[in-house]
């Protein structure tokens, strides 16, 4: 593996590369408020062993990438999208196989719609369709609103209950409380079909906290989302020409049924359901997720 910092203006983006540089490039995009290491080492290793050049990176305000003063220099999700393009440019790549998890999958759809020449294939995992009002849907669910005619399928009850409670009683801003909260969040996102490995999740939460330039800075993503209506543009999925694999776990608690909508609305879409997976990447699903990505990117 090789680490590298890439810049987008004054922002430093930490990146890490695995596999043979001569192999087809796969860029992994993490979700909102998530760093690149939420793509597990073992899953990344499977992709590299399958003949892919794998690149993962930390969003701004996560991990080892720049931690920013949002009040002094606010940014939007358009800037996060441009960071993604900066990583592609920084590696000197004309185009990549783009794989995005959760909100990272929405960023990936956005790039695929606006820059089709840069995307060889598109894979989304546990994502929502671009422009379909994901933020409005989740907010309506958390505030107890009835589903509207334009809402996506609501999150599962356990997700709504947990995060509605966290909004009223957020964790204290110390290391132990934030790590405990991260583990509790992971348990909810994990689903109930597979055993939850609390030790592994706690080790990951500790690593994420300890490698961050400024723990807590990732919440700036929420402010960026609120400041950027362009993140919810008019539905443009029909403009995505890249072959698209929309992957979702059968235990998805946040965006159940959303991947089927992606597969249906892009020009060349396919749905893959992963048995037992929630909104996380526990070890038992690494094989199925890697196999799906390797098959889809073998073109």
Protein backbone atom coordinates (compact mmCIF):
# COMPACT_ATOMS: atom_id res chain seq x y z
CA UNK A 1 0.00 0.00 0.00
CA UNK A 2 1.12 3.58 -0.67
CA UNK A 3 -0.15 6.74 1.01
CA UNK A 4 -0.33 10.08 -0.76
CA UNK A 5 -1.76 13.53 -0.10
CA UNK A 6 -3.59 15.21 -2.96
CA UNK A 7 -4.68 18.84 -2.90
CA UNK A 8 -7.84 20.54 -4.07
CA UNK A 9 -7.02 24.20 -3.71
CA UNK A 10 -5.95 24.60 -0.08
CA UNK A 11 -7.53 21.32 1.05
CA UNK A 12 -5.30 18.29 1.63
CA UNK A 13 -6.87 14.91 0.94
CA UNK A 14 -5.30 11.76 2.36
CA UNK A 15 -5.36 8.83 -0.06
CA UNK A 16 -4.10 5.26 -0.02
CA UNK A 17 -3.44 2.94 -2.95
CA UNK A 18 -3.41 -0.87 -3.04
CA UNK A 19 -2.58 -3.35 -5.78
CA UNK A 20 -0.75 -3.16 -9.08
CA UNK A 21 -0.84 0.33 -10.68
CA UNK A 22 -1.23 -1.39 -14.04
CA UNK A 23 -4.56 -2.93 -13.00
CA UNK A 24 -7.96 -1.28 -13.59
CA UNK A 25 -8.47 1.56 -11.06
CA UNK A 26 -11.28 1.35 -8.50
CA UNK A 27 -11.94 4.47 -6.41
CA UNK A 28 -13.80 3.90 -3.11
CA UNK A 29 -15.86 6.86 -1.87
CA UNK A 30 -16.85 6.82 1.83
CA UNK A 31 -20.17 8.02 3.17
CA UNK A 32 -21.04 11.29 4.87
CA UNK A 33 -18.89 12.06 7.94
CA UNK A 34 -16.89 8.89 7.21
CA UNK A 35 -13.21 8.46 6.49
CA UNK A 36 -11.63 6.15 3.95
CA UNK A 37 -10.83 3.45 6.49
CA UNK A 38 -14.54 2.65 6.80
CA UNK A 39 -13.79 0.63 3.65
CA UNK A 40 -12.33 -2.33 5.60
CA UNK A 41 -8.75 -3.42 4.95
CA UNK A 42 -9.88 -7.01 4.34
CA UNK A 43 -12.45 -5.95 1.73
CA UNK A 44 -9.93 -3.67 0.03
CA UNK A 45 -7.45 -6.56 0.05
CA UNK A 46 -9.94 -8.84 -1.70
CA UNK A 47 -10.40 -6.27 -4.45
CA UNK A 48 -6.66 -5.83 -4.91
CA UNK A 49 -6.13 -9.60 -4.94
CA UNK A 50 -8.83 -9.78 -7.62
CA UNK A 51 -6.72 -7.69 -9.98
CA UNK A 52 -7.78 -4.14 -9.19
CA UNK A 53 -5.80 -1.02 -8.36
CA UNK A 54 -7.77 0.19 -5.34
CA UNK A 55 -7.73 3.77 -4.05
CA UNK A 56 -9.52 5.01 -0.94
CA UNK A 57 -9.43 8.47 0.58
CA UNK A 58 -10.54 10.60 3.52
CA UNK A 59 -13.13 13.28 2.82
CA UNK A 60 -12.20 16.76 3.99
CA UNK A 61 -12.96 17.10 7.71
CA UNK A 62 -12.38 13.38 8.27
CA UNK A 63 -9.33 11.31 9.09
CA UNK A 64 -5.99 12.69 8.00
CA UNK A 65 -7.46 15.09 5.44
CA UNK A 66 -7.77 18.80 6.22
CA UNK A 67 -9.89 19.78 9.21
CA UNK A 68 -11.49 23.10 8.35
CA UNK A 69 -12.92 26.14 10.10
CA UNK A 70 -16.41 26.04 8.58
CA UNK A 71 -17.41 29.44 9.96
CA UNK A 72 -14.38 31.13 8.42
CA UNK A 73 -14.48 29.22 5.12
CA UNK A 74 -17.78 27.37 4.60
CA UNK A 75 -18.08 24.78 1.88
CA UNK A 76 -20.81 22.70 0.27
CA UNK A 77 -21.31 19.17 -1.01
CA UNK A 78 -20.35 20.50 -4.43
CA UNK A 79 -16.86 20.91 -2.95
CA UNK A 80 -16.91 17.31 -1.70
CA UNK A 81 -17.81 16.22 -5.22
CA UNK A 82 -14.91 18.30 -6.55
CA UNK A 83 -12.60 16.64 -4.00
CA UNK A 84 -13.55 13.29 -5.54
CA UNK A 85 -12.59 14.57 -8.98
CA UNK A 86 -9.35 15.97 -7.54
CA UNK A 87 -8.39 12.49 -6.34
CA UNK A 88 -8.96 11.07 -9.83
CA UNK A 89 -6.86 13.88 -11.31
CA UNK A 90 -4.21 13.55 -8.62
CA UNK A 91 -3.54 9.97 -9.66
CA UNK A 92 -3.37 11.00 -13.31
CA UNK A 93 -6.36 8.87 -14.25
CA UNK A 94 -8.65 9.61 -17.16
CA UNK A 95 -11.45 7.44 -15.76
CA UNK A 96 -12.09 5.03 -12.88
CA UNK A 97 -14.48 2.38 -11.69
CA UNK A 98 -16.34 4.45 -9.08
CA UNK A 99 -17.71 2.75 -5.94
CA UNK A 100 -19.59 4.82 -3.37
CA UNK A 101 -21.08 3.87 -0.02
CA UNK A 102 -24.18 5.63 1.37
CA UNK A 103 -23.88 9.39 0.67
CA UNK A 104 -20.61 8.58 -1.10
CA UNK A 105 -22.77 6.70 -3.58
CA UNK A 106 -24.79 9.86 -4.18
CA UNK A 107 -21.57 11.78 -4.84
CA UNK A 108 -20.55 9.01 -7.23
CA UNK A 109 -23.88 9.25 -9.07
CA UNK A 110 -23.42 13.01 -9.31
CA UNK A 111 -19.98 12.62 -10.91
CA UNK A 112 -21.29 9.92 -13.26
CA UNK A 113 -24.13 12.21 -14.38
CA UNK A 114 -21.96 15.31 -14.88
CA UNK A 115 -18.72 13.68 -16.07
CA UNK A 116 -19.61 10.42 -17.82
CA UNK A 117 -16.20 10.30 -19.48
CA UNK A 118 -14.54 9.90 -16.06
CA UNK A 119 -16.58 6.86 -14.93
CA UNK A 120 -15.95 3.39 -16.40
CA UNK A 121 -18.56 1.75 -14.17
CA UNK A 122 -20.58 2.93 -11.20
CA UNK A 123 -21.31 0.91 -8.06
CA UNK A 124 -23.42 2.20 -5.19
CA UNK A 125 -23.73 0.44 -1.84
CA UNK A 126 -26.52 1.32 0.58
CA UNK A 127 -27.16 4.55 -1.28
CA UNK A 128 -30.16 6.64 -2.34
CA UNK A 129 -31.01 7.86 -5.84
CA UNK A 130 -29.52 11.25 -6.67
CA UNK A 131 -32.07 14.04 -6.60
CA UNK A 132 -34.81 12.04 -4.90
CA UNK A 133 -34.89 13.92 -1.60
CA UNK A 134 -32.91 11.62 0.69
CA UNK A 135 -32.32 14.35 3.26
CA UNK A 136 -35.99 15.35 3.34
CA UNK A 137 -37.08 11.73 3.71
CA UNK A 138 -34.79 11.02 6.67
CA UNK A 139 -35.72 14.29 8.37
CA UNK A 140 -39.42 13.55 7.96
CA UNK A 141 -38.89 10.12 9.50
CA UNK A 142 -36.89 11.49 12.46
CA UNK A 143 -39.47 14.20 13.19
CA UNK A 144 -42.41 11.81 13.06
CA UNK A 145 -43.94 13.14 9.85
CA UNK A 146 -46.10 10.89 7.72
CA UNK A 147 -44.49 9.80 4.43
CA UNK A 148 -45.17 12.29 1.66
CA UNK A 149 -45.92 11.36 -1.94
CA UNK A 150 -42.39 12.33 -3.00
CA UNK A 151 -40.58 10.67 -0.10
CA UNK A 152 -38.32 7.67 -0.50
CA UNK A 153 -38.98 4.60 1.64
CA UNK A 154 -38.46 5.56 5.28
CA UNK A 155 -35.65 4.15 7.45
CA UNK A 156 -36.49 1.25 9.71
CA UNK A 157 -38.00 1.96 13.11
CA UNK A 158 -34.86 1.06 15.07
CA UNK A 159 -32.83 3.64 13.10
CA UNK A 160 -35.45 6.36 13.65
CA UNK A 161 -35.73 5.61 17.37
CA UNK A 162 -31.97 5.63 17.92
CA UNK A 163 -31.19 8.87 16.09
CA UNK A 164 -34.26 10.71 17.35
CA UNK A 165 -33.01 9.90 20.86
CA UNK A 166 -29.47 10.99 20.01
CA UNK A 167 -30.80 14.35 18.80
CA UNK A 168 -32.28 14.95 22.26
CA UNK A 169 -29.39 13.44 24.25
CA UNK A 170 -26.19 13.71 22.21
CA UNK A 171 -23.00 12.12 23.54
CA UNK A 172 -20.57 14.14 25.62
CA UNK A 173 -17.63 15.49 23.57
CA UNK A 174 -14.95 13.31 25.20
CA UNK A 175 -13.11 10.38 23.60
CA UNK A 176 -14.80 7.60 25.57
CA UNK A 177 -18.34 8.95 25.08
CA UNK A 178 -17.87 9.52 21.37
CA UNK A 179 -16.38 6.06 20.84
CA UNK A 180 -19.19 4.46 22.85
CA UNK A 181 -21.69 6.35 20.70
CA UNK A 182 -19.93 5.22 17.51
CA UNK A 183 -20.17 1.59 18.64
CA UNK A 184 -23.86 1.98 19.53
CA UNK A 185 -24.47 3.57 16.12
CA UNK A 186 -22.66 0.72 14.38
CA UNK A 187 -24.87 -1.77 16.19
CA UNK A 188 -28.02 -0.10 14.84
CA UNK A 189 -26.58 0.18 11.32
CA UNK A 190 -25.37 -3.43 11.37
CA UNK A 191 -28.81 -5.02 11.34
CA UNK A 192 -29.85 -8.15 13.21
CA UNK A 193 -29.22 -11.01 10.78
CA UNK A 194 -25.48 -11.37 11.43
CA UNK A 195 -23.58 -11.45 14.74
CA UNK A 196 -22.34 -8.03 15.82
CA UNK A 197 -18.60 -7.98 16.55
CA UNK A 198 -18.43 -5.30 19.23
CA UNK A 199 -14.68 -5.66 19.73
CA UNK A 200 -13.98 -5.10 16.04
CA UNK A 201 -16.30 -2.10 15.88
CA UNK A 202 -14.75 -0.57 18.99
CA UNK A 203 -11.26 -1.01 17.56
CA UNK A 204 -12.37 0.70 14.34
CA UNK A 205 -14.05 3.55 16.24
CA UNK A 206 -10.89 4.08 18.29
CA UNK A 207 -8.76 4.13 15.13
CA UNK A 208 -11.08 6.59 13.42
CA UNK A 209 -11.01 8.91 16.46
CA UNK A 210 -7.27 8.72 17.03
CA UNK A 211 -6.21 9.30 13.42
CA UNK A 212 -8.49 12.31 12.89
CA UNK A 213 -6.76 15.68 12.68
CA UNK A 214 -9.62 17.15 14.72
CA UNK A 215 -12.21 14.69 16.05
CA UNK A 216 -15.71 16.06 15.60
CA UNK A 217 -14.80 18.05 12.50
CA UNK A 218 -16.76 15.56 10.41
CA UNK A 219 -20.02 17.15 11.57
CA UNK A 220 -19.22 19.99 9.17
CA UNK A 221 -20.60 17.67 6.48
CA UNK A 222 -24.06 18.23 7.94
CA UNK A 223 -23.63 21.99 7.67
CA UNK A 224 -22.32 21.62 4.13
CA UNK A 225 -25.35 19.55 3.18
CA UNK A 226 -27.75 22.16 4.60
CA UNK A 227 -25.94 24.90 2.70
CA UNK A 228 -26.00 23.18 -0.67
CA UNK A 229 -29.31 22.66 -2.47
CA UNK A 230 -27.29 21.46 -5.47
CA UNK A 231 -26.78 18.19 -3.61
CA UNK A 232 -30.45 17.49 -4.30
CA UNK A 233 -30.65 18.47 -7.98
CA UNK A 234 -33.48 17.59 -10.30
CA UNK A 235 -33.46 13.85 -10.94
CA UNK A 236 -30.72 13.28 -13.51
CA UNK A 237 -30.23 9.55 -13.11
CA UNK A 238 -31.40 9.00 -16.67
CA UNK A 239 -28.24 10.78 -17.81
CA UNK A 240 -25.97 8.18 -16.22
CA UNK A 241 -24.65 6.00 -19.01
CA UNK A 242 -22.03 4.02 -17.06
CA UNK A 243 -23.03 0.43 -16.27
CA UNK A 244 -24.39 0.72 -12.74
CA UNK A 245 -24.55 -1.85 -9.96
CA UNK A 246 -26.81 -0.82 -7.07
CA UNK A 247 -25.96 -2.99 -4.07
CA UNK A 248 -28.05 -3.20 -0.91
CA UNK A 249 -28.15 -5.43 2.14
CA UNK A 250 -31.29 -7.36 2.93
CA UNK A 251 -31.07 -5.82 6.43
CA UNK A 252 -30.50 -2.21 5.26
CA UNK A 253 -31.90 0.00 8.08
CA UNK A 254 -31.30 3.48 6.65
CA UNK A 255 -32.27 3.34 2.99
CA UNK A 256 -34.32 0.18 2.48
CA UNK A 257 -35.43 -0.24 -1.10
CA UNK A 258 -33.51 2.77 -2.38
CA UNK A 259 -31.04 0.75 -4.44
CA UNK A 260 -33.82 -0.74 -6.54
CA UNK A 261 -34.81 2.80 -7.50
CA UNK A 262 -31.25 3.59 -8.59
CA UNK A 263 -31.08 0.43 -10.72
CA UNK A 264 -34.41 1.28 -12.31
CA UNK A 265 -33.69 4.92 -13.14
CA UNK A 266 -30.20 4.78 -14.67
CA UNK A 267 -29.79 3.68 -18.27
CA UNK A 268 -27.93 0.44 -17.55
CA UNK A 269 -28.76 -0.56 -14.00
CA UNK A 270 -28.58 -3.81 -12.04
CA UNK A 271 -29.66 -4.54 -8.47
CA UNK A 272 -27.65 -6.83 -6.18
CA UNK A 273 -29.03 -7.75 -2.76
CA UNK A 274 -26.46 -8.96 -0.22
CA UNK A 275 -27.92 -11.45 2.24
CA UNK A 276 -27.69 -10.38 5.87
CA UNK A 277 -25.91 -7.05 5.27
CA UNK A 278 -27.15 -3.88 6.92
CA UNK A 279 -25.52 -0.49 6.34
CA UNK A 280 -22.05 -1.70 7.33
CA UNK A 281 -19.32 -3.99 5.99
CA UNK A 282 -18.87 -6.74 8.62
CA UNK A 283 -16.49 -9.57 7.80
CA UNK A 284 -19.18 -12.12 6.78
CA UNK A 285 -20.25 -9.96 3.79
CA UNK A 286 -16.80 -9.09 2.45
CA UNK A 287 -16.82 -12.00 0.02
CA UNK A 288 -20.21 -11.16 -1.50
CA UNK A 289 -19.47 -7.42 -1.74
CA UNK A 290 -16.03 -7.97 -3.29
CA UNK A 291 -17.39 -10.55 -5.72
CA UNK A 292 -20.09 -8.14 -6.86
CA UNK A 293 -17.64 -5.30 -7.39
CA UNK A 294 -15.07 -7.48 -9.14
CA UNK A 295 -17.67 -8.93 -11.48
CA UNK A 296 -19.10 -5.51 -12.29
CA UNK A 297 -15.70 -3.90 -12.91
CA UNK A 298 -14.48 -6.72 -15.17
CA UNK A 299 -15.24 -4.73 -18.31
